Amino acid sequence: MTTFTTKDANLMNWEEFSQITDDLISKINTYFEDKEKINVITPLLRTGGIIGGILSIKMKVFTMLPVQFKYSYNPKAVNQVISIPDILINISQPMNILLCEGNTSTGALAMKAVTSIKEKYPEAKIYLATLTKIHDGPKRLEGIEEIFYGRLTDEKLTATEEERVKYNLLTGITIFPWENADEEIADSNVAA
């Protein structure tokens, strides 16, 4: 098992965060250029709340459907913290939901969110928007139409030097500007 230290951290600044967010929005807009539009933003809370809020504002999608799950490590489990709320306005059909998270590693949390959303809104199409995605992470996730990411990372430290250059990978554990590096590194060590 790898034990990470703050030397393994990639401390993202606000300028880099802004650029990666703009890149993510560009990818989403290109995909939907001649198609249906996103009409619901679902922030996967915690860090998905920041990404979801920014995407909601910049993409002018005002209906929010928050979901929240919490990892537990002893015993290892993922628990839903809040239930899926009712949407109190009419949504044009089809309901296209943009599920937002800060970083996608395995997609386990996103898959839990998809299952919960589909139980309440079975006809919804769900897309995943993640600020960063681990390069050897999932390319497809069941129940998700498309995965959009702002930037690929080598957070698992498994990429070759050639892959790091080819994919312009961020190296190390990504620490977003609002996060505490020591806390995030400690959490990564527990999860590993």
Protein backbone atom coordinates (compact mmCIF):
# COMPACT_ATOMS: atom_id res chain seq x y z
CA MET A 1 0.00 0.00 0.00
CA THR A 2 1.29 3.45 -0.97
CA THR A 3 1.37 6.06 1.77
CA PHE A 4 1.03 9.58 0.41
CA THR A 5 2.59 12.72 1.88
CA THR A 6 2.14 16.40 1.03
CA LYS A 7 5.04 15.95 -1.42
CA ASP A 8 2.56 13.89 -3.49
CA ALA A 9 0.06 16.77 -3.60
CA ASN A 10 -0.83 18.86 -6.63
CA LEU A 11 -2.05 22.11 -5.09
CA MET A 12 -4.44 23.59 -7.64
CA ASN A 13 -4.73 27.38 -7.53
CA TRP A 14 -7.86 29.40 -8.39
CA GLU A 15 -6.57 30.41 -11.82
CA GLU A 16 -5.92 26.78 -12.77
CA PHE A 17 -9.33 25.82 -11.34
CA SER A 18 -11.00 28.50 -13.48
CA GLN A 19 -9.23 27.34 -16.65
CA ILE A 20 -10.10 23.68 -16.06
CA THR A 21 -13.73 24.64 -15.37
CA ASP A 22 -13.86 26.56 -18.66
CA ASP A 23 -12.36 23.55 -20.48
CA LEU A 24 -15.02 21.31 -18.93
CA ILE A 25 -17.85 23.64 -19.99
CA SER A 26 -16.42 23.83 -23.52
CA LYS A 27 -16.50 20.01 -23.80
CA ILE A 28 -20.09 19.88 -22.55
CA ASN A 29 -21.23 22.66 -24.90
CA THR A 30 -19.53 21.00 -27.87
CA TYR A 31 -21.26 17.69 -27.12
CA PHE A 32 -24.70 19.32 -26.81
CA GLU A 33 -24.20 21.77 -29.68
CA ASP A 34 -26.88 20.23 -31.90
CA LYS A 35 -28.61 18.10 -29.29
CA GLU A 36 -30.90 18.44 -26.32
CA LYS A 37 -29.73 20.66 -23.50
CA ILE A 38 -28.95 20.01 -19.85
CA ASN A 39 -31.93 21.17 -17.79
CA VAL A 40 -30.97 19.97 -14.27
CA ILE A 41 -27.67 20.25 -12.40
CA THR A 42 -27.07 17.63 -9.71
CA PRO A 43 -24.12 18.47 -7.46
CA LEU A 44 -22.66 15.37 -5.84
CA LEU A 45 -21.94 16.91 -2.47
CA ARG A 46 -19.32 17.89 -1.10
CA THR A 47 -16.88 19.06 -3.81
CA GLY A 48 -19.48 18.58 -6.51
CA GLY A 49 -21.38 21.42 -4.85
CA ILE A 50 -18.77 23.94 -5.89
CA ILE A 51 -18.43 22.55 -9.42
CA GLY A 52 -22.21 22.19 -9.80
CA GLY A 53 -22.84 25.74 -8.59
CA ILE A 54 -20.33 27.21 -11.02
CA LEU A 55 -21.62 25.12 -13.94
CA SER A 56 -25.20 26.12 -13.08
CA ILE A 57 -24.29 29.80 -13.25
CA LYS A 58 -22.06 29.67 -16.31
CA MET A 59 -24.34 27.32 -18.27
CA LYS A 60 -27.51 29.13 -17.13
CA VAL A 61 -29.13 25.95 -15.78
CA PHE A 62 -31.06 26.99 -12.70
CA THR A 63 -32.73 23.78 -11.49
CA MET A 64 -30.59 22.03 -8.87
CA LEU A 65 -31.11 18.48 -7.57
CA PRO A 66 -28.46 17.86 -4.86
CA VAL A 67 -27.35 14.39 -3.78
CA GLN A 68 -24.97 13.50 -0.97
CA PHE A 69 -23.13 10.35 0.02
CA LYS A 70 -20.48 9.75 2.67
CA TYR A 71 -17.65 7.24 2.63
CA SER A 72 -17.08 5.29 5.83
CA TYR A 73 -13.87 3.33 6.25
CA ASN A 74 -14.45 1.18 9.33
CA PRO A 75 -16.54 -0.65 8.21
CA LYS A 76 -16.07 0.33 4.60
CA ALA A 77 -19.35 1.63 3.16
CA VAL A 78 -20.95 4.39 1.13
CA ASN A 79 -24.07 5.82 2.76
CA GLN A 80 -26.61 8.22 1.33
CA VAL A 81 -26.84 11.34 3.52
CA ILE A 82 -29.82 13.14 1.95
CA SER A 83 -32.66 11.69 -0.08
CA ILE A 84 -33.34 12.80 -3.64
CA PRO A 85 -35.66 15.83 -3.42
CA ASP A 86 -38.73 16.54 -5.53
CA ILE A 87 -38.28 19.02 -8.35
CA LEU A 88 -40.99 21.61 -7.81
CA ILE A 89 -41.11 23.06 -11.34
CA ASN A 90 -41.93 21.51 -14.70
CA ILE A 91 -38.87 20.23 -16.51
CA SER A 92 -38.97 20.06 -20.28
CA GLN A 93 -38.63 16.52 -21.54
CA PRO A 94 -36.40 14.69 -21.68
CA MET A 95 -34.93 15.40 -18.26
CA ASN A 96 -31.18 15.74 -18.88
CA ILE A 97 -29.26 15.76 -15.61
CA LEU A 98 -25.63 16.85 -15.30
CA LEU A 99 -24.22 15.06 -12.25
CA CYS A 100 -21.24 17.09 -11.01
CA GLU A 101 -18.30 15.99 -8.88
CA GLY A 102 -14.85 17.36 -8.19
CA ASN A 103 -12.75 14.29 -8.93
CA THR A 104 -13.64 10.92 -10.43
CA SER A 105 -11.46 7.97 -9.50
CA THR A 106 -13.49 4.75 -9.65
CA GLY A 107 -16.91 6.27 -10.27
CA ALA A 108 -18.36 4.45 -7.23
CA LEU A 109 -20.02 7.55 -5.77
CA ALA A 110 -21.38 8.61 -9.15
CA MET A 111 -22.87 5.15 -9.62
CA LYS A 112 -24.59 5.34 -6.22
CA ALA A 113 -26.00 8.74 -7.20
CA VAL A 114 -27.24 7.40 -10.55
CA THR A 115 -29.05 4.53 -8.84
CA SER A 116 -30.79 6.91 -6.41
CA ILE A 117 -31.71 9.43 -9.10
CA LYS A 118 -33.08 6.71 -11.41
CA GLU A 119 -35.27 5.36 -8.59
CA LYS A 120 -36.98 8.75 -8.36
CA TYR A 121 -36.68 9.89 -12.00
CA PRO A 122 -36.45 6.69 -14.10
CA GLU A 123 -36.73 8.46 -17.47
CA ALA A 124 -33.88 10.90 -16.76
CA LYS A 125 -30.73 10.85 -18.87
CA ILE A 126 -27.70 11.37 -16.66
CA TYR A 127 -24.36 12.84 -17.74
CA LEU A 128 -21.30 13.14 -15.50
CA ALA A 129 -19.22 16.32 -15.31
CA THR A 130 -16.06 16.04 -13.23
CA LEU A 131 -13.41 18.69 -12.85
CA THR A 132 -10.63 16.09 -12.76
CA LYS A 133 -10.65 12.41 -13.69
CA ILE A 134 -7.98 9.82 -13.05
CA HIS A 135 -6.56 8.78 -16.42
CA ASP A 136 -6.92 5.05 -15.82
CA GLY A 137 -10.36 5.50 -14.26
CA PRO A 138 -13.63 4.51 -15.91
CA LYS A 139 -14.26 5.45 -19.53
CA ARG A 140 -17.95 4.49 -19.24
CA LEU A 141 -20.26 4.06 -16.26
CA GLU A 142 -23.54 2.18 -16.41
CA GLY A 143 -26.50 4.55 -16.47
CA ILE A 144 -24.37 7.54 -17.48
CA GLU A 145 -24.74 8.73 -21.07
CA GLU A 146 -21.37 10.51 -21.27
CA ILE A 147 -18.50 11.47 -18.96
CA PHE A 148 -17.03 14.97 -19.31
CA TYR A 149 -13.86 16.00 -17.51
CA GLY A 150 -11.83 19.18 -17.35
CA ARG A 151 -8.43 17.56 -16.88
CA LEU A 152 -6.92 14.11 -16.46
CA THR A 153 -4.71 13.31 -13.47
CA ASP A 154 -2.22 10.65 -12.43
CA GLU A 155 -3.57 10.59 -8.90
CA LYS A 156 -2.93 6.87 -8.49
CA LEU A 157 0.68 7.48 -9.60
CA THR A 158 0.44 4.63 -12.13
CA ALA A 159 1.07 6.45 -15.42
CA THR A 160 4.28 6.07 -17.33
CA GLU A 161 6.32 9.16 -18.18
CA GLU A 162 5.16 8.76 -21.79
CA GLU A 163 1.49 8.76 -20.66
CA ARG A 164 2.03 11.79 -18.42
CA VAL A 165 3.37 13.75 -21.39
CA LYS A 166 0.92 12.40 -24.00
CA TYR A 167 -2.18 13.18 -21.89
CA ASN A 168 -0.75 16.24 -20.09
CA LEU A 169 -1.60 14.60 -16.77
CA LEU A 170 -1.66 16.47 -13.49
CA THR A 171 0.57 14.44 -11.19
CA GLY A 172 -0.06 13.69 -7.55
CA ILE A 173 -3.12 13.98 -5.35
CA THR A 174 -5.23 16.87 -6.60
CA ILE A 175 -5.97 19.39 -3.87
CA PHE A 176 -8.60 21.92 -4.92
CA PRO A 177 -8.12 25.55 -3.80
CA TRP A 178 -10.74 25.27 -1.05
CA GLU A 179 -9.35 22.03 0.41
CA ASN A 180 -6.83 21.43 3.19
CA ALA A 181 -3.86 19.42 1.86
CA ASP A 182 -3.12 17.61 5.15
CA GLU A 183 -6.76 16.50 5.53
CA GLU A 184 -7.05 15.34 1.91
CA ILE A 185 -3.75 13.41 2.05
CA ALA A 186 -4.84 11.73 5.30
CA ASP A 187 -8.17 10.79 3.68
CA SER A 188 -6.36 9.39 0.62
CA ASN A 189 -4.19 7.24 2.89
CA VAL A 190 -7.24 5.83 4.68
CA ALA A 191 -8.95 5.06 1.35
CA ALA A 192 -5.89 3.40 -0.19
